[in-house]
Protein backbone atom coordinates (compact mmCIF):
# COMPACT_ATOMS: atom_id res chain seq x y z
CA UNK A 1 72.97 140.50 111.75
CA UNK A 2 73.76 137.64 109.43
CA UNK A 3 73.99 134.17 110.94
CA UNK A 4 75.24 131.53 108.55
CA UNK A 5 73.86 128.01 108.21
CA UNK A 6 77.00 126.83 110.01
CA UNK A 7 76.22 129.34 112.74
CA UNK A 8 72.73 127.93 113.18
CA UNK A 9 74.20 124.43 113.24
CA UNK A 10 76.62 125.51 115.97
CA UNK A 11 73.90 127.24 118.00
CA UNK A 12 71.78 124.09 117.74
CA UNK A 13 74.67 121.98 119.01
CA UNK A 14 75.02 124.30 122.02
CA UNK A 15 71.28 124.17 122.74
CA UNK A 16 71.37 120.37 122.55
CA UNK A 17 74.24 120.34 125.05
CA UNK A 18 72.39 122.66 127.43
CA UNK A 19 69.24 120.52 127.12
CA UNK A 20 71.26 117.39 127.85
CA UNK A 21 72.73 118.95 130.99
CA UNK A 22 69.58 120.70 132.17
CA UNK A 23 66.65 118.43 131.29
CA UNK A 24 67.80 115.01 130.14
CA UNK A 25 68.09 116.16 126.54
CA UNK A 26 64.45 117.15 126.15
CA UNK A 27 64.13 119.92 123.64
CA UNK A 28 61.34 121.76 121.88
CA UNK A 29 62.12 123.53 118.64
CA UNK A 30 60.20 126.61 117.57
CA UNK A 31 61.16 128.53 114.47
CA UNK A 32 59.98 131.94 113.42
CA UNK A 33 60.04 132.99 109.79
CA UNK A 34 63.28 134.87 109.41
CA UNK A 35 64.22 137.72 107.17
CA UNK A 36 65.79 135.99 104.18
CA UNK A 37 63.49 133.61 102.37
CA UNK A 38 66.46 132.49 100.25
CA UNK A 39 68.53 131.63 103.31
CA UNK A 40 65.76 130.21 105.52
CA UNK A 41 65.66 126.70 103.98
CA UNK A 42 69.43 126.28 104.33
CA UNK A 43 69.41 127.37 107.96
CA UNK A 44 66.44 125.13 108.71
CA UNK A 45 68.24 122.22 107.06
CA UNK A 46 71.34 122.88 109.19
CA UNK A 47 69.23 122.88 112.38
CA UNK A 48 67.44 119.64 111.48
CA UNK A 49 70.69 117.95 110.45
CA UNK A 50 72.30 118.87 113.78
CA UNK A 51 69.29 117.69 115.77
CA UNK A 52 69.28 114.39 113.86
CA UNK A 53 73.05 113.91 114.01
CA UNK A 54 73.32 113.99 110.22
CA UNK A 55 76.40 115.29 108.41
CA UNK A 56 75.98 118.67 106.74
CA UNK A 57 74.53 118.54 103.23
CA UNK A 58 76.55 121.60 102.23
CA UNK A 59 80.18 122.03 103.29
CA UNK A 60 79.77 125.78 102.79
CA UNK A 61 76.50 127.69 102.85
CA UNK A 62 75.92 128.62 99.18
CA UNK A 63 74.29 131.96 100.08
CA UNK A 64 77.15 133.29 102.22
CA UNK A 65 78.65 135.44 99.51
CA UNK A 66 77.70 138.63 101.36
CA UNK A 67 78.78 137.47 104.83
CA UNK A 68 82.01 139.06 106.07
CA UNK A 69 84.76 136.53 106.86
CA UNK A 70 85.26 137.92 110.37
CA UNK A 71 83.77 140.28 112.92
CA UNK A 72 84.48 143.97 112.70
CA UNK A 73 85.70 145.88 115.75
CA UNK A 74 82.16 147.02 116.68
CA UNK A 75 80.76 143.50 116.48
CA UNK A 76 83.70 142.08 118.43
CA UNK A 77 83.20 144.70 121.17
CA UNK A 78 79.48 143.80 121.41
CA UNK A 79 80.27 140.06 121.68
CA UNK A 80 82.94 140.72 124.33
CA UNK A 81 80.56 142.91 126.33
CA UNK A 82 77.81 140.27 126.22
CA UNK A 83 80.24 137.50 127.20
CA UNK A 84 81.49 139.56 130.13
CA UNK A 85 77.95 140.31 131.32
CA UNK A 86 76.97 136.62 131.14
CA UNK A 87 80.20 135.07 132.46
CA UNK A 88 78.70 134.15 135.85
CA UNK A 89 75.90 132.13 134.22
CA UNK A 90 77.45 131.02 130.95
CA UNK A 91 81.07 129.89 130.90
CA UNK A 92 82.41 131.17 127.60
């Protein structure tokens, strides 16, 4: 799985929204190491920028050269299956 810096920024925005709705915006951030030491600083920066409400430093993640531009059929099927299973608890 390859989540881009923009993906981490988007996930952080969703978590902030959930925290706002569920617990008055209180949020604890815990980060584990990750698998790409080259990509880790960019993803961390994206998370911190989103939490702080700062515009993105990079318009495009400079390490995304190997990231496919869209989901393949297998990935899309997995996302659709997960969304269907969670639809009662997570409006997608």
